[in-house]
Amino acid sequence: MNRSIPVLILAAFVLAMGSGIADAQLAANWIIPAVANTPGNGGTYWSTDVSIHNPQSWELPLTVQFLETGQVNDFVPTLDLVIYPYETINLWDVLGPDLFDVRGTGALLIFVPPEEPCPDLECLFLATSRTYTSDPAGGFGEFGQALPGAALLEGTDWLTYGYAAGILNDGLDFRCNIGVASWTADWTQVAVDVQDATGAIVDTEIFDLPPFGHLQKRLRTEVMGGSLVFYLIDGPNDAFVYPYASVVNQITGDPSYFFARFSGAGVAAKAKRNPDPAPSYPKRGRAVEWHRTAVSR
């Protein structure tokens, strides 16, 4: 794929969003691209807390769905809850035994159910998370990384690339894991170019993502201070994917999270991005129980 094409700035998209661009910091559809309940290297054990905030003066119904790594996620565990006005709900250890009760890794969708009327800004809320280990290698205490939620439109689609910079993966002091979550009801194929600090592409990896799929793997190429560029190479027209990287200190277990920021820079497509896409959702599988008394840690 030739990425030396002159830069395209999607000014038309920005104009189409108008004053609504300021409201894009909140959304009615969120994805947490990486969640965990799994052992890691060096005796670490990774868990995820999720926080959801309602800035509205009315309650909102919400649905939370888990997308497991490495499989088709047509039918998924689903949690339904209602968040009160101005409330923050904390789902501590969201994949743990008190909530989704699953081992492994994946992603979470958090959204206002599509059957709910959502005019203008009335259903916007905030979702964020942190993934941490309470048993870091080579140290005491609790080390973690903030994993902000990504709104639907913050994904990488056919009109954008996903960019992450400052990647460390030297095979000795630092390791880098890369991942992609898919908010797409069909198979997609995603590529990532690994660039060194000079901009030279030193490797390209290609991944097949199942419907509503998730993957995470060790970056196979050593790079110090380089960049990752993610892009779609196959899939439906409405595909959205959410790439990221996590750099971990091999000695302490300290992690740093890099969400790949979407941009039309470098993209050859000459079309406007749809400012109001209609997302698809997995079907409901096992119902996850939740009680409001469980919000206290």
Protein backbone atom coordinates (compact mmCIF):
# COMPACT_ATOMS: atom_id res chain seq x y z
CA MET A 1 0.00 0.00 0.00
CA ASN A 2 1.48 3.32 -1.04
CA ARG A 3 1.12 5.88 1.73
CA SER A 4 3.16 8.61 -0.02
CA ILE A 5 -0.02 10.08 -1.57
CA PRO A 6 -0.48 13.81 -0.84
CA VAL A 7 -2.22 14.50 2.45
CA LEU A 8 -5.99 14.88 2.37
CA ILE A 9 -7.45 17.04 5.10
CA LEU A 10 -11.09 16.19 5.65
CA ALA A 11 -12.20 19.78 6.04
CA ALA A 12 -15.64 18.94 4.73
CA PHE A 13 -16.10 16.53 7.62
CA VAL A 14 -15.16 19.18 10.16
CA LEU A 15 -17.56 21.66 8.59
CA ALA A 16 -20.32 19.08 8.55
CA MET A 17 -19.86 18.54 12.27
CA GLY A 18 -20.10 22.28 12.87
CA SER A 19 -20.48 23.30 16.49
CA GLY A 20 -21.18 19.66 17.35
CA ILE A 21 -17.44 18.93 17.29
CA ALA A 22 -17.17 20.25 20.84
CA ASP A 23 -19.78 17.71 21.93
CA ALA A 24 -17.82 14.83 20.40
CA GLN A 25 -15.97 14.43 23.71
CA LEU A 26 -19.13 12.68 24.95
CA ALA A 27 -21.17 10.12 23.05
CA ALA A 28 -24.09 7.69 23.18
CA ASN A 29 -21.92 4.82 21.85
CA TRP A 30 -18.58 3.89 23.45
CA ILE A 31 -16.01 1.13 23.15
CA ILE A 32 -13.33 0.26 25.69
CA PRO A 33 -10.80 -1.29 23.26
CA ALA A 34 -8.97 -3.41 25.87
CA VAL A 35 -10.20 -5.06 29.06
CA ALA A 36 -8.64 -7.92 31.01
CA ASN A 37 -8.98 -10.53 33.70
CA THR A 38 -5.85 -12.52 33.04
CA PRO A 39 -2.36 -13.38 34.32
CA GLY A 40 0.59 -11.68 32.61
CA ASN A 41 4.36 -11.93 32.42
CA GLY A 42 6.51 -11.73 35.54
CA GLY A 43 3.80 -12.79 37.97
CA THR A 44 1.48 -9.89 37.13
CA TYR A 45 -2.30 -10.23 37.04
CA TRP A 46 -4.28 -7.75 34.95
CA SER A 47 -7.77 -6.52 35.84
CA THR A 48 -9.96 -3.72 34.50
CA ASP A 49 -12.17 -1.15 36.24
CA VAL A 50 -14.75 0.74 34.15
CA SER A 51 -16.29 4.11 35.09
CA ILE A 52 -19.42 5.55 33.47
CA HIS A 53 -20.62 9.10 34.13
CA ASN A 54 -24.02 10.60 33.32
CA PRO A 55 -23.83 14.39 32.88
CA GLN A 56 -27.56 14.65 32.18
CA SER A 57 -30.32 15.72 34.57
CA TRP A 58 -32.28 12.54 33.71
CA GLU A 59 -31.49 8.86 34.00
CA LEU A 60 -30.13 6.88 31.06
CA PRO A 61 -30.59 3.18 30.24
CA LEU A 62 -27.27 1.60 29.21
CA THR A 63 -26.14 -1.70 27.73
CA VAL A 64 -22.66 -3.16 28.29
CA GLN A 65 -21.44 -6.04 26.08
CA PHE A 66 -18.20 -8.05 26.24
CA LEU A 67 -16.31 -8.88 23.02
CA GLU A 68 -13.96 -11.79 23.73
CA THR A 69 -10.54 -12.02 22.10
CA GLY A 70 -10.05 -14.40 19.18
CA GLN A 71 -13.61 -15.41 18.31
CA VAL A 72 -16.77 -14.41 16.45
CA ASN A 73 -18.88 -12.36 18.86
CA ASP A 74 -22.36 -12.65 17.36
CA PHE A 75 -23.93 -13.52 20.74
CA VAL A 76 -22.24 -11.91 23.74
CA PRO A 77 -22.65 -11.54 27.51
CA THR A 78 -24.80 -8.46 28.10
CA LEU A 79 -25.34 -6.26 31.15
CA ASP A 80 -28.24 -3.79 31.35
CA LEU A 81 -28.27 -0.96 33.86
CA VAL A 82 -29.76 2.45 34.51
CA ILE A 83 -27.50 5.34 35.47
CA TYR A 84 -29.08 8.14 37.52
CA PRO A 85 -28.71 11.88 36.85
CA TYR A 86 -25.13 13.08 37.42
CA GLU A 87 -24.17 9.63 38.74
CA THR A 88 -20.88 7.82 38.20
CA ILE A 89 -21.11 4.03 38.15
CA ASN A 90 -17.87 2.14 38.77
CA LEU A 91 -17.74 -1.44 37.54
CA TRP A 92 -14.76 -2.63 39.57
CA ASP A 93 -12.99 -5.65 38.07
CA VAL A 94 -15.56 -5.70 35.30
CA LEU A 95 -14.59 -9.16 33.98
CA GLY A 96 -14.26 -10.61 37.49
CA PRO A 97 -16.60 -13.02 39.29
CA ASP A 98 -19.03 -10.35 40.52
CA LEU A 99 -19.84 -9.08 37.02
CA PHE A 100 -19.04 -10.67 33.64
CA ASP A 101 -17.21 -13.60 35.29
CA VAL A 102 -14.91 -14.38 32.37
CA ARG A 103 -11.17 -15.00 32.17
CA GLY A 104 -9.06 -13.55 29.40
CA THR A 105 -9.06 -10.34 27.38
CA GLY A 106 -11.32 -8.47 25.00
CA ALA A 107 -13.21 -5.21 24.57
CA LEU A 108 -16.43 -3.68 25.90
CA LEU A 109 -19.24 -1.91 24.07
CA ILE A 110 -21.22 0.57 26.21
CA PHE A 111 -24.20 2.27 24.61
CA VAL A 112 -27.70 3.63 24.98
CA PRO A 113 -29.97 0.92 23.49
CA PRO A 114 -30.90 1.82 19.90
CA GLU A 115 -34.62 1.49 20.63
CA GLU A 116 -34.37 4.42 23.05
CA PRO A 117 -35.17 7.83 21.53
CA CYS A 118 -32.00 9.89 21.60
CA PRO A 119 -32.60 13.36 20.15
CA ASP A 120 -29.62 15.66 19.77
CA LEU A 121 -27.46 15.69 22.92
CA GLU A 122 -29.87 14.05 25.36
CA CYS A 123 -28.18 10.63 25.54
CA LEU A 124 -24.52 11.60 25.71
CA PHE A 125 -22.43 10.15 28.54
CA LEU A 126 -18.78 9.35 29.37
CA ALA A 127 -17.11 5.94 29.61
CA THR A 128 -13.51 5.30 30.62
CA SER A 129 -11.41 2.61 32.29
CA ARG A 130 -8.09 1.57 33.73
CA THR A 131 -6.31 -1.77 33.47
CA TYR A 132 -3.89 -2.56 36.28
CA THR A 133 -1.96 -5.23 38.13
CA SER A 134 -2.05 -5.39 41.92
CA ASP A 135 1.09 -7.57 41.85
CA PRO A 136 3.61 -5.71 39.67
CA ALA A 137 6.86 -7.44 38.84
CA GLY A 138 9.85 -6.07 40.74
CA GLY A 139 7.85 -3.74 42.97
CA PHE A 140 5.05 -3.22 45.46
CA GLY A 141 1.68 -1.53 45.22
CA GLU A 142 -0.57 -1.23 42.24
CA PHE A 143 0.51 -0.19 38.74
CA GLY A 144 -2.00 0.60 36.04
CA GLN A 145 -2.76 2.42 32.84
CA ALA A 146 -5.71 4.61 31.98
CA LEU A 147 -7.61 3.29 28.97
CA PRO A 148 -10.03 6.01 27.90
CA GLY A 149 -13.15 4.90 26.14
CA ALA A 150 -13.39 5.67 22.43
CA ALA A 151 -16.56 7.11 20.95
CA LEU A 152 -17.89 5.41 17.82
CA LEU A 153 -16.52 8.12 15.52
CA GLU A 154 -13.04 7.89 17.06
CA GLY A 155 -12.46 4.60 15.27
CA THR A 156 -10.42 4.01 12.13
CA ASP A 157 -12.50 3.53 8.98
CA TRP A 158 -11.95 3.53 5.20
CA LEU A 159 -11.36 7.30 5.18
CA THR A 160 -8.80 7.39 7.98
CA TYR A 161 -5.62 5.82 9.35
CA GLY A 162 -4.97 5.13 13.03
CA TYR A 163 -1.69 6.63 14.31
CA ALA A 164 0.31 5.82 17.47
CA ALA A 165 3.82 7.18 18.15
CA GLY A 166 6.63 6.64 20.64
CA ILE A 167 6.49 2.84 20.53
CA LEU A 168 9.18 0.92 22.45
CA ASN A 169 9.82 -2.76 21.73
CA ASP A 170 13.49 -3.61 22.15
CA GLY A 171 13.10 -7.21 23.29
CA LEU A 172 14.97 -6.47 26.53
CA ASP A 173 13.72 -3.55 28.63
CA PHE A 174 10.38 -2.93 26.92
CA ARG A 175 7.81 -5.04 25.13
CA CYS A 176 4.92 -3.78 23.03
CA ASN A 177 1.56 -5.45 22.58
CA ILE A 178 -0.71 -4.27 19.80
CA GLY A 179 -4.44 -4.79 19.62
CA VAL A 180 -7.53 -4.03 17.57
CA ALA A 181 -11.20 -4.11 18.53
CA SER A 182 -13.87 -4.23 15.81
CA TRP A 183 -17.27 -2.54 15.94
CA THR A 184 -18.29 -4.26 12.72
CA ALA A 185 -20.84 -7.04 12.11
CA ASP A 186 -18.69 -8.71 9.41
CA TRP A 187 -15.10 -9.89 8.98
CA THR A 188 -12.48 -7.17 8.50
CA GLN A 189 -8.80 -7.23 7.64
CA VAL A 190 -6.52 -4.69 9.29
CA ALA A 191 -2.87 -3.91 8.53
CA VAL A 192 -0.32 -2.10 10.66
CA ASP A 193 2.87 -0.53 9.32
CA VAL A 194 5.70 -0.39 11.85
CA GLN A 195 7.87 2.69 11.26
CA ASP A 196 11.23 3.47 12.81
CA ALA A 197 12.05 6.97 14.04
CA THR A 198 13.12 8.07 10.53
CA GLY A 199 9.74 7.10 9.05
CA ALA A 200 10.98 3.99 7.25
CA ILE A 201 8.50 1.11 7.23
CA VAL A 202 10.38 -1.80 8.81
CA ASP A 203 7.49 -4.28 8.93
CA THR A 204 3.83 -4.72 8.03
CA GLU A 205 1.51 -7.10 9.88
CA ILE A 206 -1.96 -8.09 8.67
CA PHE A 207 -4.76 -9.37 10.91
CA ASP A 208 -8.13 -10.98 10.20
CA LEU A 209 -10.77 -9.78 12.66
CA PRO A 210 -14.03 -11.72 13.09
CA PRO A 211 -17.39 -9.96 13.50
CA PHE A 212 -17.24 -7.76 16.60
CA GLY A 213 -13.82 -9.31 17.12
CA HIS A 214 -10.81 -8.43 19.23
CA LEU A 215 -7.13 -9.34 19.02
CA GLN A 216 -4.04 -8.57 21.03
CA LYS A 217 -0.53 -9.85 20.31
CA ARG A 218 3.12 -9.06 20.87
CA LEU A 219 4.62 -6.77 18.24
CA ARG A 220 7.05 -8.95 16.33
CA THR A 221 9.45 -6.16 15.25
CA GLU A 222 11.97 -4.39 17.44
CA VAL A 223 11.58 -0.61 17.33
CA MET A 224 12.68 2.24 19.61
CA GLY A 225 10.65 5.42 19.52
CA GLY A 226 8.89 4.47 16.31
CA SER A 227 5.30 4.69 15.15
CA LEU A 228 2.41 2.43 14.20
CA VAL A 229 0.00 3.17 11.36
CA PHE A 230 -3.16 1.04 11.24
CA TYR A 231 -5.51 0.85 8.25
CA LEU A 232 -8.30 -1.28 6.81
CA ILE A 233 -7.55 -3.43 3.78
CA ASP A 234 -10.76 -5.51 3.60
CA GLY A 235 -14.24 -5.44 5.07
CA PRO A 236 -17.66 -3.83 4.66
CA ASN A 237 -18.15 -0.16 3.84
CA ASP A 238 -19.34 0.63 7.37
CA ALA A 239 -16.34 -0.95 9.13
CA PHE A 240 -14.95 0.73 12.25
CA VAL A 241 -11.92 -0.62 14.12
CA TYR A 242 -10.16 0.65 17.24
CA PRO A 243 -6.39 -0.05 17.27
CA TYR A 244 -4.11 0.48 20.23
CA ALA A 245 -0.70 -0.41 21.65
CA SER A 246 0.53 -1.09 25.17
CA VAL A 247 4.20 -0.68 26.10
CA VAL A 248 5.27 -2.55 29.25
CA ASN A 249 8.49 -2.16 31.23
CA GLN A 250 9.88 -5.69 31.38
CA ILE A 251 11.45 -5.17 34.81
CA THR A 252 8.69 -3.42 36.77
CA GLY A 253 5.60 -4.42 34.81
CA ASP A 254 4.73 -0.73 34.40
CA PRO A 255 2.43 -0.26 31.36
CA SER A 256 1.71 2.69 29.08
CA TYR A 257 -1.31 2.76 26.78
CA PHE A 258 -1.44 4.30 23.28
CA PHE A 259 -4.80 4.60 21.55
CA ALA A 260 -4.35 5.00 17.79
CA ARG A 261 -5.75 8.42 16.87
CA PHE A 262 -7.76 8.50 13.66
CA SER A 263 -6.91 11.00 10.92
CA GLY A 264 -7.51 11.53 7.23
CA ALA A 265 -3.88 12.64 6.86
CA GLY A 266 -2.21 10.58 4.15
CA VAL A 267 -5.43 8.92 2.96
CA ALA A 268 -6.12 8.92 -0.77
CA ALA A 269 -9.93 8.65 -0.47
CA LYS A 270 -11.82 11.69 -1.70
CA ALA A 271 -15.09 11.32 0.18
CA LYS A 272 -16.70 12.83 3.24
CA ARG A 273 -17.00 10.80 6.40
CA ASN A 274 -20.54 10.14 7.59
CA PRO A 275 -20.89 12.27 10.74
CA ASP A 276 -23.78 10.16 12.06
CA PRO A 277 -23.22 6.46 11.32
CA ALA A 278 -25.73 3.88 12.53
CA PRO A 279 -23.75 1.26 14.48
CA SER A 280 -24.53 -2.44 14.54
CA TYR A 281 -24.60 -4.38 17.80
CA PRO A 282 -24.03 -8.03 18.74
CA LYS A 283 -27.03 -10.12 19.74
CA ARG A 284 -27.68 -10.64 23.42
CA GLY A 285 -26.21 -13.77 24.93
CA ARG A 286 -25.92 -14.57 28.62
CA ALA A 287 -27.47 -11.93 30.89
CA VAL A 288 -25.01 -10.44 33.36
CA GLU A 289 -26.42 -9.56 36.78
CA TRP A 290 -25.60 -6.27 38.42
CA HIS A 291 -26.82 -4.68 41.63
CA ARG A 292 -26.43 -1.05 42.55
CA THR A 293 -24.95 -2.00 45.92
CA ALA A 294 -22.01 -3.48 44.00
CA VAL A 295 -20.75 -0.05 42.93
CA SER A 296 -18.84 0.41 46.21
CA ARG A 297 -15.38 -1.08 46.29
